[in-house]
Amino acid sequence: MKKFYYLRDKTNRPVVTICIEERNGVYARGIAVCSVSDNPCKSTGRVKAAGRVNKAFGNKRNVCGPMDADSMYKIDHALCTFTLPVWGTELIKEGLFWGEGGTFLGIYDAVLSKREQRIMKVAKGV
């Protein structure tokens, strides 16, 4: 079961979409970051994030990376421009983008953050 959550800017727009899914005890995470030149759209973010989860499971490895310095700058610039609330930047610092070998937008065998653990518990009805 895919579960989505969002990092929102100060005006409550969903600027980062995160999808997590478990298959056979393995978790994957897909991330979509809205460009500063785009208008945030939940459905577009969900499609991109879910696609990265599917790609990570299909390849059984991290995908959409490792990102180069220019790509990381664009994401950092977007996150700073959207001025995410403090909890949003803390989630980024928890390592949502980090996978073995660098920075990725699709993480295979992801280690869930505390927030993601709560989301998945609720989804399972635990």
Foldseek 3Di string as FASTA:
>chain_A
DKDKDAFAFPVRARQKIKIWDDDPRKIKIAIDGHFPVDRGDVVVGVVRGVVLQVVCVVVVAFDADPDDPVVVVRRVVSCVVSHTPPVVVVVVVVPPQDEPPHGGRMGIRDDDDPVVVVVVCVVVVD
